[in-house]
Each structure stands twice: as C-alpha cells, then as structure tokens.
PDB file of N, CA and C in Angstrom:
ATOM      1  N   MET A   1       1.362  -1.138   0.056  1.00  0.00           N
ATOM      2  CA  MET A   1       0.009   0.017   0.098  1.00  0.00           C
ATOM      3  C   MET A   1       0.543   1.551  -0.016  1.00  0.00           C
ATOM      4  N   ALA A   2       1.647   1.319   0.722  1.00  0.00           N
ATOM      5  CA  ALA A   2       2.730   2.617   1.078  1.00  0.00           C
ATOM      6  C   ALA A   2       3.428   2.759  -0.710  1.00  0.00           C
ATOM      7  N   TYR A   3       3.656   1.596  -1.043  1.00  0.00           N
ATOM      8  CA  TYR A   3       4.169   1.886  -2.476  1.00  0.00           C
ATOM      9  C   TYR A   3       3.496   2.817  -3.369  1.00  0.00           C
ATOM     10  N   GLY A   4       2.033   2.336  -3.364  1.00  0.00           N
ATOM     11  CA  GLY A   4       1.333   3.256  -4.478  1.00  0.00           C
ATOM     12  C   GLY A   4       1.487   4.779  -4.073  1.00  0.00           C
ATOM     13  N   HIS A   5       1.471   4.775  -2.808  1.00  0.00           N
ATOM     14  CA  HIS A   5       1.516   6.498  -2.381  1.00  0.00           C
ATOM     15  C   HIS A   5       2.836   7.038  -2.791  1.00  0.00           C
ATOM     16  N   ALA A   6       4.191   6.318  -2.679  1.00  0.00           N
ATOM     17  CA  ALA A   6       5.188   6.804  -2.990  1.00  0.00           C
ATOM     18  C   ALA A   6       5.510   6.854  -4.620  1.00  0.00           C
ATOM     19  N   GLU A   7       4.723   5.856  -5.249  1.00  0.00           N
ATOM     20  CA  GLU A   7       4.977   5.696  -6.752  1.00  0.00           C
ATOM     21  C   GLU A   7       3.839   7.318  -7.063  1.00  0.00           C
ATOM     22  N   ARG A   8       2.752   7.323  -6.849  1.00  0.00           N
ATOM     23  CA  ARG A   8       2.063   8.878  -6.978  1.00  0.00           C
ATOM     24  C   ARG A   8       2.875   9.959  -6.798  1.00  0.00           C
ATOM     25  N   ASN A   9       3.564  10.159  -5.716  1.00  0.00           N
ATOM     26  CA  ASN A   9       4.567  11.464  -5.415  1.00  0.00           C
ATOM     27  C   ASN A   9       5.697  11.088  -6.424  1.00  0.00           C
ATOM     28  N   LEU A  10       6.349   9.989  -6.623  1.00  0.00           N
ATOM     29  CA  LEU A  10       7.358  10.159  -7.513  1.00  0.00           C
ATOM     30  C   LEU A  10       6.682  10.609  -8.782  1.00  0.00           C
ATOM     31  N   ALA A  11       5.664  10.075  -9.376  1.00  0.00           N
ATOM     32  CA  ALA A  11       5.162  10.781 -10.676  1.00  0.00           C
ATOM     33  C   ALA A  11       4.822  11.894 -10.519  1.00  0.00           C
ATOM     34  N   LEU A  12       4.115  12.623  -9.625  1.00  0.00           N
ATOM     35  CA  LEU A  12       4.116  13.932  -9.605  1.00  0.00           C
ATOM     36  C   LEU A  12       5.576  14.835  -9.692  1.00  0.00           C
ATOM     37  N   ILE A  13       6.434  14.395  -9.064  1.00  0.00           N
ATOM     38  CA  ILE A  13       7.833  15.037  -8.779  1.00  0.00           C
ATOM     39  C   ILE A  13       8.070  14.886 -10.510  1.00  0.00           C
ATOM     40  N   ARG A  14       8.304  13.741 -10.967  1.00  0.00           N
ATOM     41  CA  ARG A  14       8.868  13.553 -12.192  1.00  0.00           C
ATOM     42  C   ARG A  14       8.109  14.473 -13.537  1.00  0.00           C
ATOM     43  N   GLN A  15       6.888  14.839 -13.226  1.00  0.00           N
ATOM     44  CA  GLN A  15       5.946  15.816 -13.881  1.00  0.00           C
ATOM     45  C   GLN A  15       6.480  17.328 -13.887  1.00  0.00           C
ATOM     46  N   LEU A  16       6.644  17.494 -12.706  1.00  0.00           N
ATOM     47  CA  LEU A  16       7.022  18.857 -12.383  1.00  0.00           C
ATOM     48  C   LEU A  16       8.411  18.984 -12.874  1.00  0.00           C
ATOM     49  N   GLU A  17       9.125  18.006 -12.796  1.00  0.00           N
ATOM     50  CA  GLU A  17      10.542  18.103 -12.973  1.00  0.00           C
ATOM     51  C   GLU A  17      10.297  18.187 -14.833  1.00  0.00           C
ATOM     52  N   ALA A  18       9.899  17.590 -15.469  1.00  0.00           N
ATOM     53  CA  ALA A  18       9.712  17.548 -17.193  1.00  0.00           C
ATOM     54  C   ALA A  18       9.276  18.941 -17.246  1.00  0.00           C
ATOM     55  N   GLU A  19       8.205  19.659 -16.546  1.00  0.00           N
ATOM     56  CA  GLU A  19       7.677  20.597 -17.098  1.00  0.00           C
ATOM     57  C   GLU A  19       8.653  22.071 -16.761  1.00  0.00           C
ATOM     58  N   THR A  20       9.648  21.867 -15.433  1.00  0.00           N
ATOM     59  CA  THR A  20      10.646  22.767 -15.369  1.00  0.00           C
ATOM     60  C   THR A  20      11.799  22.630 -16.357  1.00  0.00           C
ATOM     61  N   ARG A  21      11.961  21.312 -17.009  1.00  0.00           N
ATOM     62  CA  ARG A  21      12.861  21.520 -18.048  1.00  0.00           C
ATOM     63  C   ARG A  21      12.324  22.101 -19.534  1.00  0.00           C
ATOM     64  N   LYS A  22      11.407  21.938 -19.682  1.00  0.00           N
ATOM     65  CA  LYS A  22      10.826  22.586 -20.630  1.00  0.00           C
ATOM     66  C   LYS A  22      10.736  24.149 -20.440  1.00  0.00           C
ATOM     67  N   LEU A  23      10.293  24.322 -19.295  1.00  0.00           N
ATOM     68  CA  LEU A  23      10.220  25.709 -19.039  1.00  0.00           C
ATOM     69  C   LEU A  23      11.695  26.447 -19.419  1.00  0.00           C
ATOM     70  N   LEU A  24      12.789  25.899 -18.849  1.00  0.00           N
ATOM     71  CA  LEU A  24      14.050  26.233 -18.888  1.00  0.00           C
ATOM     72  C   LEU A  24      14.187  26.384 -20.120  1.00  0.00           C
ATOM     73  N   GLY A  25      13.862  25.386 -21.296  1.00  0.00           N
ATOM     74  CA  GLY A  25      14.519  25.022 -22.375  1.00  0.00           C
ATOM     75  C   GLY A  25      14.013  26.350 -23.240  1.00  0.00           C
ATOM     76  N   SER A  26      13.025  27.024 -22.688  1.00  0.00           N
ATOM     77  CA  SER A  26      12.161  28.298 -23.388  1.00  0.00           C
ATOM     78  C   SER A  26      12.901  29.448 -23.370  1.00  0.00           C
ATOM     79  N   LEU A  27      13.905  29.181 -22.551  1.00  0.00           N
ATOM     80  CA  LEU A  27      14.466  30.618 -21.953  1.00  0.00           C
ATOM     81  C   LEU A  27      15.297  30.848 -22.837  1.00  0.00           C
ATOM     82  N   ASP A  28      15.650  32.074 -23.263  1.00  0.00           N
ATOM     83  CA  ASP A  28      16.831  32.466 -24.377  1.00  0.00           C
ATOM     84  C   ASP A  28      18.291  32.398 -23.122  1.00  0.00           C
ATOM     85  N   GLN A  29      18.086  32.818 -21.922  1.00  0.00           N
ATOM     86  CA  GLN A  29      19.373  32.653 -21.190  1.00  0.00           C
ATOM     87  C   GLN A  29      19.059  32.224 -19.609  1.00  0.00           C
ATOM     88  N   LEU A  30      19.899  31.090 -19.316  1.00  0.00           N
ATOM     89  CA  LEU A  30      19.785  30.552 -17.832  1.00  0.00           C
ATOM     90  C   LEU A  30      20.791  30.986 -17.072  1.00  0.00           C
ATOM     91  N   ASP A  31      20.189  31.503 -15.621  1.00  0.00           N
ATOM     92  CA  ASP A  31      21.119  32.062 -14.524  1.00  0.00           C
ATOM     93  C   ASP A  31      21.875  30.856 -14.092  1.00  0.00           C
ATOM     94  N   PRO A  32      23.360  30.956 -13.695  1.00  0.00           N
ATOM     95  CA  PRO A  32      24.095  29.557 -13.222  1.00  0.00           C
ATOM     96  C   PRO A  32      23.073  28.556 -12.353  1.00  0.00           C
ATOM     97  N   GLU A  33      22.340  29.131 -11.556  1.00  0.00           N
ATOM     98  CA  GLU A  33      21.609  28.321 -10.936  1.00  0.00           C
ATOM     99  C   GLU A  33      20.543  27.154 -12.028  1.00  0.00           C
ATOM    100  N   GLN A  34      20.351  27.953 -12.442  1.00  0.00           N
ATOM    101  CA  GLN A  34      19.191  26.900 -13.507  1.00  0.00           C
ATOM    102  C   GLN A  34      20.002  26.598 -14.312  1.00  0.00           C
ATOM    103  N   SER A  35      21.016  26.796 -15.088  1.00  0.00           N
ATOM    104  CA  SER A  35      21.716  26.005 -15.812  1.00  0.00           C
ATOM    105  C   SER A  35      22.522  24.649 -15.314  1.00  0.00           C
ATOM    106  N   ALA A  36      22.869  24.614 -13.812  1.00  0.00           N
ATOM    107  CA  ALA A  36      23.576  23.813 -13.135  1.00  0.00           C
ATOM    108  C   ALA A  36      22.365  22.653 -12.648  1.00  0.00           C
ATOM    109  N   TRP A  37      21.129  23.069 -12.601  1.00  0.00           N
ATOM    110  CA  TRP A  37      19.763  22.392 -12.461  1.00  0.00           C
ATOM    111  C   TRP A  37      19.637  21.412 -13.707  1.00  0.00           C
ATOM    112  N   LEU A  38      19.677  22.207 -14.577  1.00  0.00           N
ATOM    113  CA  LEU A  38      19.464  21.532 -15.645  1.00  0.00           C
ATOM    114  C   LEU A  38      20.365  20.663 -16.233  1.00  0.00           C
ATOM    115  N   GLN A  39      21.625  20.970 -16.131  1.00  0.00           N
ATOM    116  CA  GLN A  39      22.410  20.061 -16.464  1.00  0.00           C
ATOM    117  C   GLN A  39      22.541  18.721 -15.777  1.00  0.00           C
ATOM    118  N   GLU A  40      22.473  18.839 -14.333  1.00  0.00           N
ATOM    119  CA  GLU A  40      22.224  17.595 -13.508  1.00  0.00           C
ATOM    120  C   GLU A  40      20.901  16.792 -13.989  1.00  0.00           C
ATOM    121  N   VAL A  41      19.835  17.323 -14.312  1.00  0.00           N
ATOM    122  CA  VAL A  41      18.714  16.133 -14.447  1.00  0.00           C
ATOM    123  C   VAL A  41      18.761  15.793 -16.347  1.00  0.00           C
ATOM    124  N   ILE A  42      19.609  16.567 -16.496  1.00  0.00           N
ATOM    125  CA  ILE A  42      19.782  15.746 -18.007  1.00  0.00           C
ATOM    126  C   ILE A  42      21.265  14.892 -18.318  1.00  0.00           C
ATOM    127  N   SER A  43      21.599  14.787 -17.132  1.00  0.00           N
ATOM    128  CA  SER A  43      22.993  13.880 -17.417  1.00  0.00           C
ATOM    129  C   SER A  43      22.696  12.631 -17.335  1.00  0.00           C
ATOM    130  N   PRO A  44      23.296  11.901 -18.434  1.00  0.00           N
ATOM    131  CA  PRO A  44      23.501  10.717 -18.827  1.00  0.00           C
ATOM    132  C   PRO A  44      23.247   9.460 -17.627  1.00  0.00           C
ATOM    133  N   GLY A  45      23.988  10.099 -16.752  1.00  0.00           N
ATOM    134  CA  GLY A  45      24.127   9.131 -15.569  1.00  0.00           C
ATOM    135  C   GLY A  45      22.990   9.210 -14.803  1.00  0.00           C
ATOM    136  N   ARG A  46      22.366   9.983 -14.390  1.00  0.00           N
ATOM    137  CA  ARG A  46      20.977  10.195 -14.164  1.00  0.00           C
ATOM    138  C   ARG A  46      20.155   9.537 -14.572  1.00  0.00           C
ATOM    139  N   ARG A  47      20.058  10.001 -16.031  1.00  0.00           N
ATOM    140  CA  ARG A  47      18.864   9.035 -16.594  1.00  0.00           C
ATOM    141  C   ARG A  47      18.982   7.476 -16.724  1.00  0.00           C
ATOM    142  N   ALA A  48      20.049   7.075 -16.574  1.00  0.00           N
ATOM    143  CA  ALA A  48      20.383   5.669 -16.499  1.00  0.00           C
ATOM    144  C   ALA A  48      19.669   5.365 -15.072  1.00  0.00           C
ATOM    145  N   VAL A  49      20.169   5.843 -14.062  1.00  0.00           N
ATOM    146  CA  VAL A  49      19.476   5.771 -12.685  1.00  0.00           C
ATOM    147  C   VAL A  49      17.930   5.804 -12.816  1.00  0.00           C
ATOM    148  N   HIS A  50      17.487   6.863 -13.390  1.00  0.00           N
ATOM    149  CA  HIS A  50      15.998   6.545 -13.359  1.00  0.00           C
ATOM    150  C   HIS A  50      15.349   5.714 -14.276  1.00  0.00           C
ATOM    151  N   GLN A  51      15.966   5.073 -15.584  1.00  0.00           N
ATOM    152  CA  GLN A  51      15.632   4.129 -15.810  1.00  0.00           C
ATOM    153  C   GLN A  51      15.703   2.716 -15.672  1.00  0.00           C
ATOM    154  N   ASP A  52      16.827   2.269 -14.627  1.00  0.00           N
ATOM    155  CA  ASP A  52      16.912   1.521 -13.882  1.00  0.00           C
ATOM    156  C   ASP A  52      15.594   1.561 -12.857  1.00  0.00           C
ATOM    157  N   ARG A  53      15.288   2.451 -12.013  1.00  0.00           N
ATOM    158  CA  ARG A  53      14.396   2.221 -11.207  1.00  0.00           C
ATOM    159  C   ARG A  53      12.799   2.465 -11.814  1.00  0.00           C
ATOM    160  N   LEU A  54      12.921   2.695 -12.374  1.00  0.00           N
ATOM    161  CA  LEU A  54      11.640   2.636 -13.740  1.00  0.00           C
ATOM    162  C   LEU A  54      11.382   0.991 -13.876  1.00  0.00           C
ATOM    163  N   GLU A  55      12.229   0.557 -14.692  1.00  0.00           N
ATOM    164  CA  GLU A  55      12.463  -0.684 -14.831  1.00  0.00           C
ATOM    165  C   GLU A  55      11.823  -1.906 -13.864  1.00  0.00           C
ATOM    166  N   THR A  56      12.879  -1.431 -12.781  1.00  0.00           N
ATOM    167  CA  THR A  56      12.681  -2.157 -11.433  1.00  0.00           C
ATOM    168  C   THR A  56      10.972  -2.080 -10.719  1.00  0.00           C
ATOM    169  N   ALA A  57      10.521  -0.804 -10.876  1.00  0.00           N
ATOM    170  CA  ALA A  57       9.410  -0.663 -10.139  1.00  0.00           C
ATOM    171  C   ALA A  57       8.098  -1.361 -11.147  1.00  0.00           C
ATOM    172  N   THR A  58       8.165  -1.029 -12.317  1.00  0.00           N
ATOM    173  CA  THR A  58       7.239  -1.717 -13.219  1.00  0.00           C
ATOM    174  C   THR A  58       7.356  -3.387 -13.237  1.00  0.00           C
ATOM    175  N   ALA A  59       8.571  -3.981 -13.325  1.00  0.00           N
ATOM    176  CA  ALA A  59       8.804  -5.107 -12.701  1.00  0.00           C
ATOM    177  C   ALA A  59       8.344  -5.530 -11.477  1.00  0.00           C
ATOM    178  N   SER A  60       8.433  -5.091 -10.424  1.00  0.00           N
ATOM    179  CA  SER A  60       7.509  -5.233  -9.335  1.00  0.00           C
ATOM    180  C   SER A  60       6.048  -5.336  -9.250  1.00  0.00           C
ATOM    181  N   ARG A  61       5.794  -4.130  -9.907  1.00  0.00           N
ATOM    182  CA  ARG A  61       4.027  -4.122 -10.029  1.00  0.00           C
ATOM    183  C   ARG A  61       3.439  -5.008 -10.597  1.00  0.00           C
ATOM    184  N   ARG A  62       4.447  -5.535 -11.994  1.00  0.00           N
ATOM    185  CA  ARG A  62       3.926  -6.833 -12.417  1.00  0.00           C
ATOM    186  C   ARG A  62       3.632  -8.339 -11.976  1.00  0.00           C
ATOM    187  N   SER A  63       4.741  -8.255 -11.334  1.00  0.00           N
ATOM    188  CA  SER A  63       4.818  -9.695 -10.209  1.00  0.00           C
ATOM    189  C   SER A  63       4.051  -9.543  -9.060  1.00  0.00           C
ATOM    190  N   SER A  64       3.839  -8.426  -8.869  1.00  0.00           N
ATOM    191  CA  SER A  64       2.717  -8.486  -7.304  1.00  0.00           C
ATOM    192  C   SER A  64       1.201  -8.540  -7.861  1.00  0.00           C
ATOM    193  N   SER A  65       0.964  -8.234  -9.162  1.00  0.00           N
ATOM    194  CA  SER A  65      -0.239  -8.352  -9.785  1.00  0.00           C
ATOM    195  C   SER A  65      -0.972  -9.662  -9.899  1.00  0.00           C
TER     196      SER A  65
END
C-alpha cells in the first residue's frame, strides 16, 4: 500500500521536473543556478538511474499483480 503512495508522489515530482525542463528550455538565457540544475537532470548517468528504477518498479508491479 505504501508503495502506491510513493509511486504517485514520484510521478508528480517527475512531471514537475519535466515541466521545469521545458520552461527552462524556452528561456533565451539561464542563470547559473538554472543551468546547473538543468545539467544535473539531463546528465546521462542520472537518466540511467531513473531508467533502472522505472524498470524495477514496473517489474515489481507486474509480479505483484
């Protein structure tokens, strides 16, 4: 039960992150803090971690169904 709540929260956070990336991408110039955040969230290593977590979560949901 707790996992469902956490997954919903994580989905909302990822949606907010995607919207923020989109907004920052539409700006002509970023300040240093915005630029650093954007580099962090689009880094290949972070994407791989997210993908691994997504695949693990998906697999565990399928096995519990």
